[in-house]
Amino acid sequence: MIGKRVVKEKPVSLPEVLGILEKVKKEGELEYWQRLTFDYAQKFAKLKPKEAQELLEELLKMDKIKEHQAVAIIDLMPQTKEDLELIFSKERVKLEDDEVKRVLELVKKYSG
């Protein structure tokens, strides 16, 4: 890590992480921490990278949802209003009932 610095920071969902690490794996061997992350992402990613990107785009169309919240929704795929409210529990913005219903419908659509 010597000489490396953070140039840009962006929240990334588990399916996207899996896609990135699969590309790195094709180019060569993964480092230890990359293998751990790859194994974790394989185990817990609930969508394919393309589906995750589509869901992210749909969630970001909603005014109140920020990118880090959309990524959390993709990673956790909440099935109930209570689960979704936990994602927003420390946020200043609260979703209205119709917005909660819309998010849960999107999650259900992609979780198939």
PDB file of N, CA and C in Angstrom:
ATOM      1  N   MET A   1       0.800  -1.195   0.000  1.00  0.00           N
ATOM      2  CA  MET A   1       0.000   0.000   0.000  1.00  0.00           C
ATOM      3  C   MET A   1       0.846   1.264   0.000  1.00  0.00           C
ATOM      4  N   ILE A   2       2.133   1.139   0.063  1.00  0.00           N
ATOM      5  CA  ILE A   2       2.996   2.308   0.081  1.00  0.00           C
ATOM      6  C   ILE A   2       2.870   3.038  -1.254  1.00  0.00           C
ATOM      7  N   GLY A   3       2.667   4.338  -1.167  1.00  0.00           N
ATOM      8  CA  GLY A   3       2.578   5.143  -2.368  1.00  0.00           C
ATOM      9  C   GLY A   3       1.195   5.208  -2.975  1.00  0.00           C
ATOM     10  N   LYS A   4       0.227   4.528  -2.413  1.00  0.00           N
ATOM     11  CA  LYS A   4      -1.127   4.576  -2.952  1.00  0.00           C
ATOM     12  C   LYS A   4      -1.952   5.564  -2.149  1.00  0.00           C
ATOM     13  N   ARG A   5      -2.868   6.224  -2.834  1.00  0.00           N
ATOM     14  CA  ARG A   5      -3.760   7.137  -2.154  1.00  0.00           C
ATOM     15  C   ARG A   5      -5.134   7.045  -2.799  1.00  0.00           C
ATOM     16  N   VAL A   6      -6.124   7.484  -2.081  1.00  0.00           N
ATOM     17  CA  VAL A   6      -7.488   7.458  -2.589  1.00  0.00           C
ATOM     18  C   VAL A   6      -7.675   8.658  -3.507  1.00  0.00           C
ATOM     19  N   VAL A   7      -8.027   8.374  -4.740  1.00  0.00           N
ATOM     20  CA  VAL A   7      -8.249   9.438  -5.715  1.00  0.00           C
ATOM     21  C   VAL A   7      -9.733   9.752  -5.804  1.00  0.00           C
ATOM     22  N   LYS A   8     -10.552   8.713  -5.708  1.00  0.00           N
ATOM     23  CA  LYS A   8     -11.990   8.866  -5.846  1.00  0.00           C
ATOM     24  C   LYS A   8     -12.659   7.794  -5.008  1.00  0.00           C
ATOM     25  N   GLU A   9     -13.752   8.138  -4.396  1.00  0.00           N
ATOM     26  CA  GLU A   9     -14.476   7.190  -3.561  1.00  0.00           C
ATOM     27  C   GLU A   9     -15.910   7.095  -4.060  1.00  0.00           C
ATOM     28  N   LYS A  10     -16.400   5.861  -4.193  1.00  0.00           N
ATOM     29  CA  LYS A  10     -17.748   5.640  -4.704  1.00  0.00           C
ATOM     30  C   LYS A  10     -18.314   4.379  -4.060  1.00  0.00           C
ATOM     31  N   PRO A  11     -19.543   4.439  -3.558  1.00  0.00           N
ATOM     32  CA  PRO A  11     -20.136   3.210  -3.000  1.00  0.00           C
ATOM     33  C   PRO A  11     -20.411   2.198  -4.116  1.00  0.00           C
ATOM     34  N   VAL A  12     -20.081   0.947  -3.837  1.00  0.00           N
ATOM     35  CA  VAL A  12     -20.243  -0.114  -4.823  1.00  0.00           C
ATOM     36  C   VAL A  12     -20.973  -1.282  -4.166  1.00  0.00           C
ATOM     37  N   SER A  13     -21.951  -1.826  -4.856  1.00  0.00           N
ATOM     38  CA  SER A  13     -22.718  -2.946  -4.313  1.00  0.00           C
ATOM     39  C   SER A  13     -21.915  -4.245  -4.402  1.00  0.00           C
ATOM     40  N   LEU A  14     -22.314  -5.227  -3.610  1.00  0.00           N
ATOM     41  CA  LEU A  14     -21.641  -6.535  -3.632  1.00  0.00           C
ATOM     42  C   LEU A  14     -21.625  -7.175  -5.026  1.00  0.00           C
ATOM     43  N   PRO A  15     -22.737  -7.137  -5.772  1.00  0.00           N
ATOM     44  CA  PRO A  15     -22.672  -7.715  -7.123  1.00  0.00           C
ATOM     45  C   PRO A  15     -21.647  -7.009  -8.012  1.00  0.00           C
ATOM     46  N   GLU A  16     -21.514  -5.684  -7.862  1.00  0.00           N
ATOM     47  CA  GLU A  16     -20.517  -4.957  -8.642  1.00  0.00           C
ATOM     48  C   GLU A  16     -19.098  -5.342  -8.207  1.00  0.00           C
ATOM     49  N   VAL A  17     -18.900  -5.500  -6.902  1.00  0.00           N
ATOM     50  CA  VAL A  17     -17.606  -5.939  -6.377  1.00  0.00           C
ATOM     51  C   VAL A  17     -17.251  -7.297  -6.966  1.00  0.00           C
ATOM     52  N   LEU A  18     -18.216  -8.182  -6.989  1.00  0.00           N
ATOM     53  CA  LEU A  18     -17.993  -9.514  -7.547  1.00  0.00           C
ATOM     54  C   LEU A  18     -17.583  -9.421  -9.018  1.00  0.00           C
ATOM     55  N   GLY A  19     -18.272  -8.579  -9.773  1.00  0.00           N
ATOM     56  CA  GLY A  19     -17.936  -8.396 -11.186  1.00  0.00           C
ATOM     57  C   GLY A  19     -16.528  -7.846 -11.373  1.00  0.00           C
ATOM     58  N   ILE A  20     -16.149  -6.866 -10.561  1.00  0.00           N
ATOM     59  CA  ILE A  20     -14.816  -6.272 -10.638  1.00  0.00           C
ATOM     60  C   ILE A  20     -13.751  -7.313 -10.322  1.00  0.00           C
ATOM     61  N   LEU A  21     -13.974  -8.070  -9.242  1.00  0.00           N
ATOM     62  CA  LEU A  21     -12.979  -9.074  -8.842  1.00  0.00           C
ATOM     63  C   LEU A  21     -12.893 -10.234  -9.827  1.00  0.00           C
ATOM     64  N   GLU A  22     -14.000 -10.562 -10.498  1.00  0.00           N
ATOM     65  CA  GLU A  22     -13.949 -11.608 -11.527  1.00  0.00           C
ATOM     66  C   GLU A  22     -13.057 -11.172 -12.683  1.00  0.00           C
ATOM     67  N   LYS A  23     -13.127  -9.877 -13.052  1.00  0.00           N
ATOM     68  CA  LYS A  23     -12.258  -9.355 -14.113  1.00  0.00           C
ATOM     69  C   LYS A  23     -10.795  -9.399 -13.679  1.00  0.00           C
ATOM     70  N   VAL A  24     -10.535  -9.006 -12.422  1.00  0.00           N
ATOM     71  CA  VAL A  24      -9.166  -9.024 -11.897  1.00  0.00           C
ATOM     72  C   VAL A  24      -8.647 -10.461 -11.868  1.00  0.00           C
ATOM     73  N   LYS A  25      -9.513 -11.399 -11.499  1.00  0.00           N
ATOM     74  CA  LYS A  25      -9.119 -12.807 -11.401  1.00  0.00           C
ATOM     75  C   LYS A  25      -8.729 -13.373 -12.767  1.00  0.00           C
ATOM     76  N   LYS A  26      -9.399 -12.916 -13.822  1.00  0.00           N
ATOM     77  CA  LYS A  26      -9.060 -13.377 -15.173  1.00  0.00           C
ATOM     78  C   LYS A  26      -7.677 -12.899 -15.596  1.00  0.00           C
ATOM     79  N   GLU A  27      -7.278 -11.721 -15.084  1.00  0.00           N
ATOM     80  CA  GLU A  27      -5.978 -11.146 -15.440  1.00  0.00           C
ATOM     81  C   GLU A  27      -4.825 -11.776 -14.668  1.00  0.00           C
ATOM     82  N   GLY A  28      -5.117 -12.318 -13.506  1.00  0.00           N
ATOM     83  CA  GLY A  28      -4.058 -12.923 -12.698  1.00  0.00           C
ATOM     84  C   GLY A  28      -4.605 -13.360 -11.358  1.00  0.00           C
ATOM     85  N   GLU A  29      -3.711 -13.776 -10.496  1.00  0.00           N
ATOM     86  CA  GLU A  29      -4.098 -14.280  -9.192  1.00  0.00           C
ATOM     87  C   GLU A  29      -4.527 -13.136  -8.266  1.00  0.00           C
ATOM     88  N   LEU A  30      -5.549 -13.402  -7.472  1.00  0.00           N
ATOM     89  CA  LEU A  30      -6.026 -12.409  -6.505  1.00  0.00           C
ATOM     90  C   LEU A  30      -5.128 -12.402  -5.275  1.00  0.00           C
ATOM     91  N   GLU A  31      -4.953 -11.214  -4.702  1.00  0.00           N
ATOM     92  CA  GLU A  31      -4.224 -11.116  -3.438  1.00  0.00           C
ATOM     93  C   GLU A  31      -5.115 -11.665  -2.326  1.00  0.00           C
ATOM     94  N   TYR A  32      -4.528 -11.850  -1.153  1.00  0.00           N
ATOM     95  CA  TYR A  32      -5.240 -12.457  -0.032  1.00  0.00           C
ATOM     96  C   TYR A  32      -6.541 -11.722   0.284  1.00  0.00           C
ATOM     97  N   TRP A  33      -6.470 -10.405   0.479  1.00  0.00           N
ATOM     98  CA  TRP A  33      -7.666  -9.636   0.839  1.00  0.00           C
ATOM     99  C   TRP A  33      -8.693  -9.633  -0.290  1.00  0.00           C
ATOM    100  N   GLN A  34      -8.221  -9.729  -1.545  1.00  0.00           N
ATOM    101  CA  GLN A  34      -9.133  -9.791  -2.679  1.00  0.00           C
ATOM    102  C   GLN A  34      -9.863 -11.130  -2.707  1.00  0.00           C
ATOM    103  N   ARG A  35      -9.134 -12.210  -2.364  1.00  0.00           N
ATOM    104  CA  ARG A  35      -9.772 -13.534  -2.305  1.00  0.00           C
ATOM    105  C   ARG A  35     -10.847 -13.573  -1.227  1.00  0.00           C
ATOM    106  N   LEU A  36     -10.540 -12.981  -0.062  1.00  0.00           N
ATOM    107  CA  LEU A  36     -11.533 -12.931   1.011  1.00  0.00           C
ATOM    108  C   LEU A  36     -12.781 -12.165   0.570  1.00  0.00           C
ATOM    109  N   THR A  37     -12.564 -11.033  -0.063  1.00  0.00           N
ATOM    110  CA  THR A  37     -13.676 -10.214  -0.544  1.00  0.00           C
ATOM    111  C   THR A  37     -14.450 -10.940  -1.635  1.00  0.00           C
ATOM    112  N   PHE A  38     -13.743 -11.617  -2.528  1.00  0.00           N
ATOM    113  CA  PHE A  38     -14.374 -12.381  -3.601  1.00  0.00           C
ATOM    114  C   PHE A  38     -15.264 -13.482  -3.025  1.00  0.00           C
ATOM    115  N   ASP A  39     -14.745 -14.218  -2.064  1.00  0.00           N
ATOM    116  CA  ASP A  39     -15.516 -15.289  -1.426  1.00  0.00           C
ATOM    117  C   ASP A  39     -16.761 -14.727  -0.738  1.00  0.00           C
ATOM    118  N   TYR A  40     -16.593 -13.614  -0.030  1.00  0.00           N
ATOM    119  CA  TYR A  40     -17.719 -12.976   0.665  1.00  0.00           C
ATOM    120  C   TYR A  40     -18.769 -12.529  -0.347  1.00  0.00           C
ATOM    121  N   ALA A  41     -18.332 -11.879  -1.417  1.00  0.00           N
ATOM    122  CA  ALA A  41     -19.267 -11.382  -2.430  1.00  0.00           C
ATOM    123  C   ALA A  41     -20.000 -12.529  -3.110  1.00  0.00           C
ATOM    124  N   GLN A  42     -19.289 -13.629  -3.390  1.00  0.00           N
ATOM    125  CA  GLN A  42     -19.933 -14.799  -3.991  1.00  0.00           C
ATOM    126  C   GLN A  42     -21.030 -15.349  -3.083  1.00  0.00           C
ATOM    127  N   LYS A  43     -20.746 -15.348  -1.800  1.00  0.00           N
ATOM    128  CA  LYS A  43     -21.672 -15.931  -0.839  1.00  0.00           C
ATOM    129  C   LYS A  43     -22.903 -15.048  -0.609  1.00  0.00           C
ATOM    130  N   PHE A  44     -22.718 -13.736  -0.582  1.00  0.00           N
ATOM    131  CA  PHE A  44     -23.799 -12.855  -0.149  1.00  0.00           C
ATOM    132  C   PHE A  44     -24.421 -11.980  -1.235  1.00  0.00           C
ATOM    133  N   ALA A  45     -23.822 -11.879  -2.407  1.00  0.00           N
ATOM    134  CA  ALA A  45     -24.426 -11.090  -3.483  1.00  0.00           C
ATOM    135  C   ALA A  45     -25.703 -11.789  -3.932  1.00  0.00           C
ATOM    136  N   LYS A  46     -26.790 -11.041  -3.954  1.00  0.00           N
ATOM    137  CA  LYS A  46     -28.084 -11.636  -4.265  1.00  0.00           C
ATOM    138  C   LYS A  46     -28.527 -11.392  -5.702  1.00  0.00           C
ATOM    139  N   LEU A  47     -27.766 -10.573  -6.424  1.00  0.00           N
ATOM    140  CA  LEU A  47     -28.092 -10.261  -7.812  1.00  0.00           C
ATOM    141  C   LEU A  47     -26.842 -10.417  -8.674  1.00  0.00           C
ATOM    142  N   LYS A  48     -27.052 -10.446  -9.977  1.00  0.00           N
ATOM    143  CA  LYS A  48     -25.943 -10.397 -10.918  1.00  0.00           C
ATOM    144  C   LYS A  48     -25.551  -8.928 -11.087  1.00  0.00           C
ATOM    145  N   PRO A  49     -24.300  -8.644 -11.464  1.00  0.00           N
ATOM    146  CA  PRO A  49     -23.865  -7.255 -11.598  1.00  0.00           C
ATOM    147  C   PRO A  49     -24.767  -6.404 -12.499  1.00  0.00           C
ATOM    148  N   LYS A  50     -25.217  -6.966 -13.612  1.00  0.00           N
ATOM    149  CA  LYS A  50     -26.074  -6.214 -14.541  1.00  0.00           C
ATOM    150  C   LYS A  50     -27.415  -5.871 -13.878  1.00  0.00           C
ATOM    151  N   GLU A  51     -28.006  -6.838 -13.183  1.00  0.00           N
ATOM    152  CA  GLU A  51     -29.268  -6.596 -12.480  1.00  0.00           C
ATOM    153  C   GLU A  51     -29.087  -5.539 -11.401  1.00  0.00           C
ATOM    154  N   ALA A  52     -27.970  -5.616 -10.685  1.00  0.00           N
ATOM    155  CA  ALA A  52     -27.689  -4.646  -9.627  1.00  0.00           C
ATOM    156  C   ALA A  52     -27.585  -3.240 -10.200  1.00  0.00           C
ATOM    157  N   GLN A  53     -26.956  -3.108 -11.359  1.00  0.00           N
ATOM    158  CA  GLN A  53     -26.818  -1.802 -11.993  1.00  0.00           C
ATOM    159  C   GLN A  53     -28.184  -1.263 -12.410  1.00  0.00           C
ATOM    160  N   GLU A  54     -29.031  -2.128 -12.955  1.00  0.00           N
ATOM    161  CA  GLU A  54     -30.378  -1.720 -13.362  1.00  0.00           C
ATOM    162  C   GLU A  54     -31.191  -1.272 -12.150  1.00  0.00           C
ATOM    163  N   LEU A  55     -31.127  -2.041 -11.073  1.00  0.00           N
ATOM    164  CA  LEU A  55     -31.852  -1.682  -9.863  1.00  0.00           C
ATOM    165  C   LEU A  55     -31.325  -0.376  -9.281  1.00  0.00           C
ATOM    166  N   LEU A  56     -30.011  -0.195  -9.296  1.00  0.00           N
ATOM    167  CA  LEU A  56     -29.406   1.042  -8.810  1.00  0.00           C
ATOM    168  C   LEU A  56     -29.952   2.240  -9.581  1.00  0.00           C
ATOM    169  N   GLU A  57     -29.998   2.132 -10.893  1.00  0.00           N
ATOM    170  CA  GLU A  57     -30.509   3.219 -11.720  1.00  0.00           C
ATOM    171  C   GLU A  57     -31.963   3.530 -11.399  1.00  0.00           C
ATOM    172  N   GLU A  58     -32.774   2.493 -11.200  1.00  0.00           N
ATOM    173  CA  GLU A  58     -34.182   2.710 -10.874  1.00  0.00           C
ATOM    174  C   GLU A  58     -34.349   3.348  -9.495  1.00  0.00           C
ATOM    175  N   LEU A  59     -33.538   2.914  -8.535  1.00  0.00           N
ATOM    176  CA  LEU A  59     -33.623   3.491  -7.192  1.00  0.00           C
ATOM    177  C   LEU A  59     -33.179   4.949  -7.184  1.00  0.00           C
ATOM    178  N   LEU A  60     -32.165   5.272  -7.964  1.00  0.00           N
ATOM    179  CA  LEU A  60     -31.659   6.644  -7.991  1.00  0.00           C
ATOM    180  C   LEU A  60     -32.616   7.606  -8.685  1.00  0.00           C
ATOM    181  N   LYS A  61     -33.578   7.080  -9.434  1.00  0.00           N
ATOM    182  CA  LYS A  61     -34.603   7.941 -10.043  1.00  0.00           C
ATOM    183  C   LYS A  61     -35.529   8.523  -8.982  1.00  0.00           C
ATOM    184  N   MET A  62     -35.592   7.850  -7.836  1.00  0.00           N
ATOM    185  CA  MET A  62     -36.410   8.359  -6.737  1.00  0.00           C
ATOM    186  C   MET A  62     -35.643   9.496  -6.058  1.00  0.00           C
ATOM    187  N   ASP A  63     -36.300  10.605  -5.827  1.00  0.00           N
ATOM    188  CA  ASP A  63     -35.637  11.814  -5.339  1.00  0.00           C
ATOM    189  C   ASP A  63     -34.954  11.657  -3.990  1.00  0.00           C
ATOM    190  N   LYS A  64     -35.546  10.941  -3.071  1.00  0.00           N
ATOM    191  CA  LYS A  64     -35.037  10.886  -1.698  1.00  0.00           C
ATOM    192  C   LYS A  64     -33.903   9.889  -1.490  1.00  0.00           C
ATOM    193  N   ILE A  65     -33.684   9.009  -2.449  1.00  0.00           N
ATOM    194  CA  ILE A  65     -32.686   7.954  -2.264  1.00  0.00           C
ATOM    195  C   ILE A  65     -31.343   8.386  -2.834  1.00  0.00           C
ATOM    196  N   LYS A  66     -30.334   8.377  -1.980  1.00  0.00           N
ATOM    197  CA  LYS A  66     -28.963   8.708  -2.374  1.00  0.00           C
ATOM    198  C   LYS A  66     -28.254   7.421  -2.799  1.00  0.00           C
ATOM    199  N   GLU A  67     -27.086   7.577  -3.426  1.00  0.00           N
ATOM    200  CA  GLU A  67     -26.375   6.421  -3.961  1.00  0.00           C
ATOM    201  C   GLU A  67     -25.979   5.416  -2.883  1.00  0.00           C
ATOM    202  N   HIS A  68     -25.498   5.889  -1.734  1.00  0.00           N
ATOM    203  CA  HIS A  68     -25.084   4.952  -0.681  1.00  0.00           C
ATOM    204  C   HIS A  68     -26.285   4.188  -0.110  1.00  0.00           C
ATOM    205  N   GLN A  69     -27.445   4.820  -0.098  1.00  0.00           N
ATOM    206  CA  GLN A  69     -28.654   4.137   0.373  1.00  0.00           C
ATOM    207  C   GLN A  69     -29.109   3.091  -0.649  1.00  0.00           C
ATOM    208  N   ALA A  70     -29.022   3.443  -1.925  1.00  0.00           N
ATOM    209  CA  ALA A  70     -29.399   2.500  -2.979  1.00  0.00           C
ATOM    210  C   ALA A  70     -28.491   1.266  -2.957  1.00  0.00           C
ATOM    211  N   VAL A  71     -27.207   1.485  -2.719  1.00  0.00           N
ATOM    212  CA  VAL A  71     -26.257   0.370  -2.627  1.00  0.00           C
ATOM    213  C   VAL A  71     -26.605  -0.528  -1.439  1.00  0.00           C
ATOM    214  N   ALA A  72     -26.960   0.075  -0.313  1.00  0.00           N
ATOM    215  CA  ALA A  72     -27.360  -0.714   0.864  1.00  0.00           C
ATOM    216  C   ALA A  72     -28.620  -1.522   0.565  1.00  0.00           C
ATOM    217  N   ILE A  73     -29.552  -0.931  -0.155  1.00  0.00           N
ATOM    218  CA  ILE A  73     -30.775  -1.651  -0.524  1.00  0.00           C
ATOM    219  C   ILE A  73     -30.427  -2.843  -1.408  1.00  0.00           C
ATOM    220  N   ILE A  74     -29.527  -2.651  -2.363  1.00  0.00           N
ATOM    221  CA  ILE A  74     -29.125  -3.748  -3.259  1.00  0.00           C
ATOM    222  C   ILE A  74     -28.410  -4.850  -2.483  1.00  0.00           C
ATOM    223  N   ASP A  75     -27.556  -4.473  -1.562  1.00  0.00           N
ATOM    224  CA  ASP A  75     -26.812  -5.470  -0.786  1.00  0.00           C
ATOM    225  C   ASP A  75     -27.717  -6.264   0.150  1.00  0.00           C
ATOM    226  N   LEU A  76     -28.686  -5.595   0.751  1.00  0.00           N
ATOM    227  CA  LEU A  76     -29.529  -6.245   1.759  1.00  0.00           C
ATOM    228  C   LEU A  76     -30.829  -6.798   1.196  1.00  0.00           C
ATOM    229  N   MET A  77     -31.297  -6.237   0.088  1.00  0.00           N
ATOM    230  CA  MET A  77     -32.560  -6.647  -0.540  1.00  0.00           C
ATOM    231  C   MET A  77     -33.681  -6.806   0.506  1.00  0.00           C
ATOM    232  N   PRO A  78     -34.060  -5.719   1.173  1.00  0.00           N
ATOM    233  CA  PRO A  78     -35.069  -5.804   2.237  1.00  0.00           C
ATOM    234  C   PRO A  78     -36.426  -6.270   1.696  1.00  0.00           C
ATOM    235  N   GLN A  79     -37.083  -7.108   2.475  1.00  0.00           N
ATOM    236  CA  GLN A  79     -38.369  -7.664   2.058  1.00  0.00           C
ATOM    237  C   GLN A  79     -39.557  -7.021   2.786  1.00  0.00           C
ATOM    238  N   THR A  80     -39.283  -6.324   3.869  1.00  0.00           N
ATOM    239  CA  THR A  80     -40.364  -5.718   4.646  1.00  0.00           C
ATOM    240  C   THR A  80     -40.099  -4.230   4.847  1.00  0.00           C
ATOM    241  N   LYS A  81     -41.162  -3.529   5.210  1.00  0.00           N
ATOM    242  CA  LYS A  81     -41.060  -2.099   5.488  1.00  0.00           C
ATOM    243  C   LYS A  81     -40.073  -1.850   6.626  1.00  0.00           C
ATOM    244  N   GLU A  82     -40.104  -2.689   7.636  1.00  0.00           N
ATOM    245  CA  GLU A  82     -39.229  -2.536   8.793  1.00  0.00           C
ATOM    246  C   GLU A  82     -37.753  -2.681   8.403  1.00  0.00           C
ATOM    247  N   ASP A  83     -37.462  -3.659   7.549  1.00  0.00           N
ATOM    248  CA  ASP A  83     -36.090  -3.850   7.083  1.00  0.00           C
ATOM    249  C   ASP A  83     -35.607  -2.627   6.309  1.00  0.00           C
ATOM    250  N   LEU A  84     -36.467  -2.096   5.464  1.00  0.00           N
ATOM    251  CA  LEU A  84     -36.117  -0.920   4.679  1.00  0.00           C
ATOM    252  C   LEU A  84     -35.920   0.300   5.575  1.00  0.00           C
ATOM    253  N   GLU A  85     -36.756   0.440   6.575  1.00  0.00           N
ATOM    254  CA  GLU A  85     -36.632   1.579   7.489  1.00  0.00           C
ATOM    255  C   GLU A  85     -35.323   1.533   8.268  1.00  0.00           C
ATOM    256  N   LEU A  86     -34.790   0.353   8.521  1.00  0.00           N
ATOM    257  CA  LEU A  86     -33.494   0.245   9.202  1.00  0.00           C
ATOM    258  C   LEU A  86     -32.370   0.876   8.387  1.00  0.00           C
ATOM    259  N   ILE A  87     -32.453   0.773   7.070  1.00  0.00           N
ATOM    260  CA  ILE A  87     -31.440   1.376   6.205  1.00  0.00           C
ATOM    261  C   ILE A  87     -31.460   2.895   6.350  1.00  0.00           C
ATOM    262  N   PHE A  88     -32.643   3.446   6.560  1.00  0.00           N
ATOM    263  CA  PHE A  88     -32.806   4.894   6.656  1.00  0.00           C
ATOM    264  C   PHE A  88     -32.848   5.389   8.095  1.00  0.00           C
ATOM    265  N   SER A  89     -32.593   4.531   9.063  1.00  0.00           N
ATOM    266  CA  SER A  89     -32.758   4.896  10.479  1.00  0.00           C
ATOM    267  C   SER A  89     -31.835   6.029  10.927  1.00  0.00           C
ATOM    268  N   LYS A  90     -30.650   6.134  10.358  1.00  0.00           N
ATOM    269  CA  LYS A  90     -29.724   7.198  10.769  1.00  0.00           C
ATOM    270  C   LYS A  90     -29.683   8.345   9.769  1.00  0.00           C
ATOM    271  N   GLU A  91     -30.596   8.334   8.835  1.00  0.00           N
ATOM    272  CA  GLU A  91     -30.650   9.377   7.815  1.00  0.00           C
ATOM    273  C   GLU A  91     -31.646  10.458   8.224  1.00  0.00           C
ATOM    274  N   ARG A  92     -31.444  11.626   7.705  1.00  0.00           N
ATOM    275  CA  ARG A  92     -32.372  12.727   7.984  1.00  0.00           C
ATOM    276  C   ARG A  92     -33.657  12.587   7.179  1.00  0.00           C
ATOM    277  N   VAL A  93     -33.576  11.903   6.069  1.00  0.00           N
ATOM    278  CA  VAL A  93     -34.719  11.746   5.178  1.00  0.00           C
ATOM    279  C   VAL A  93     -35.459  10.453   5.499  1.00  0.00           C
ATOM    280  N   LYS A  94     -36.741  10.533   5.575  1.00  0.00           N
ATOM    281  CA  LYS A  94     -37.579   9.348   5.771  1.00  0.00           C
ATOM    282  C   LYS A  94     -38.434   9.152   4.525  1.00  0.00           C
ATOM    283  N   LEU A  95     -38.615   7.917   4.126  1.00  0.00           N
ATOM    284  CA  LEU A  95     -39.443   7.617   2.968  1.00  0.00           C
ATOM    285  C   LEU A  95     -40.916   7.621   3.357  1.00  0.00           C
ATOM    286  N   GLU A  96     -41.739   8.142   2.468  1.00  0.00           N
ATOM    287  CA  GLU A  96     -43.188   8.088   2.651  1.00  0.00           C
ATOM    288  C   GLU A  96     -43.656   6.666   2.355  1.00  0.00           C
ATOM    289  N   ASP A  97     -44.885   6.352   2.776  1.00  0.00           N
ATOM    290  CA  ASP A  97     -45.409   4.995   2.588  1.00  0.00           C
ATOM    291  C   ASP A  97     -45.428   4.569   1.120  1.00  0.00           C
ATOM    292  N   ASP A  98     -45.804   5.489   0.222  1.00  0.00           N
ATOM    293  CA  ASP A  98     -45.841   5.130  -1.197  1.00  0.00           C
ATOM    294  C   ASP A  98     -44.431   4.885  -1.742  1.00  0.00           C
ATOM    295  N   GLU A  99     -43.442   5.603  -1.225  1.00  0.00           N
ATOM    296  CA  GLU A  99     -42.055   5.393  -1.643  1.00  0.00           C
ATOM    297  C   GLU A  99     -41.522   4.062  -1.113  1.00  0.00           C
ATOM    298  N   VAL A 100     -41.874   3.736   0.111  1.00  0.00           N
ATOM    299  CA  VAL A 100     -41.492   2.442   0.685  1.00  0.00           C
ATOM    300  C   VAL A 100     -42.073   1.314  -0.160  1.00  0.00           C
ATOM    301  N   LYS A 101     -43.339   1.467  -0.519  1.00  0.00           N
ATOM    302  CA  LYS A 101     -44.013   0.450  -1.327  1.00  0.00           C
ATOM    303  C   LYS A 101     -43.320   0.297  -2.683  1.00  0.00           C
ATOM    304  N   ARG A 102     -42.939   1.411  -3.289  1.00  0.00           N
ATOM    305  CA  ARG A 102     -42.261   1.385  -4.593  1.00  0.00           C
ATOM    306  C   ARG A 102     -40.904   0.672  -4.495  1.00  0.00           C
ATOM    307  N   VAL A 103     -40.139   0.990  -3.451  1.00  0.00           N
ATOM    308  CA  VAL A 103     -38.820   0.349  -3.269  1.00  0.00           C
ATOM    309  C   VAL A 103     -38.990  -1.152  -3.067  1.00  0.00           C
ATOM    310  N   LEU A 104     -39.937  -1.536  -2.234  1.00  0.00           N
ATOM    311  CA  LEU A 104     -40.157  -2.969  -1.976  1.00  0.00           C
ATOM    312  C   LEU A 104     -40.620  -3.698  -3.240  1.00  0.00           C
ATOM    313  N   GLU A 105     -41.411  -3.008  -4.081  1.00  0.00           N
ATOM    314  CA  GLU A 105     -41.832  -3.608  -5.352  1.00  0.00           C
ATOM    315  C   GLU A 105     -40.624  -3.816  -6.277  1.00  0.00           C
ATOM    316  N   LEU A 106     -39.727  -2.828  -6.322  1.00  0.00           N
ATOM    317  CA  LEU A 106     -38.518  -2.953  -7.134  1.00  0.00           C
ATOM    318  C   LEU A 106     -37.645  -4.106  -6.645  1.00  0.00           C
ATOM    319  N   VAL A 107     -37.475  -4.204  -5.326  1.00  0.00           N
ATOM    320  CA  VAL A 107     -36.670  -5.277  -4.757  1.00  0.00           C
ATOM    321  C   VAL A 107     -37.279  -6.632  -5.102  1.00  0.00           C
ATOM    322  N   LYS A 108     -38.588  -6.724  -4.974  1.00  0.00           N
ATOM    323  CA  LYS A 108     -39.280  -7.969  -5.287  1.00  0.00           C
ATOM    324  C   LYS A 108     -39.139  -8.327  -6.757  1.00  0.00           C
ATOM    325  N   LYS A 109     -39.221  -7.330  -7.612  1.00  0.00           N
ATOM    326  CA  LYS A 109     -39.084  -7.533  -9.057  1.00  0.00           C
ATOM    327  C   LYS A 109     -37.709  -8.132  -9.387  1.00  0.00           C
ATOM    328  N   TYR A 110     -36.669  -7.631  -8.750  1.00  0.00           N
ATOM    329  CA  TYR A 110     -35.315  -8.087  -9.063  1.00  0.00           C
ATOM    330  C   TYR A 110     -34.917  -9.334  -8.286  1.00  0.00           C
ATOM    331  N   SER A 111     -35.555  -9.592  -7.158  1.00  0.00           N
ATOM    332  CA  SER A 111     -35.195 -10.802  -6.402  1.00  0.00           C
ATOM    333  C   SER A 111     -35.910 -12.020  -6.958  1.00  0.00           C
ATOM    334  N   GLY A 112     -36.862 -11.764  -7.831  1.00  0.00           N
ATOM    335  CA  GLY A 112     -37.519 -12.754  -8.628  1.00  0.00           C
ATOM    336  C   GLY A 112     -38.201 -13.846  -7.961  1.00  0.00           C
TER     337      GLY A 112
END
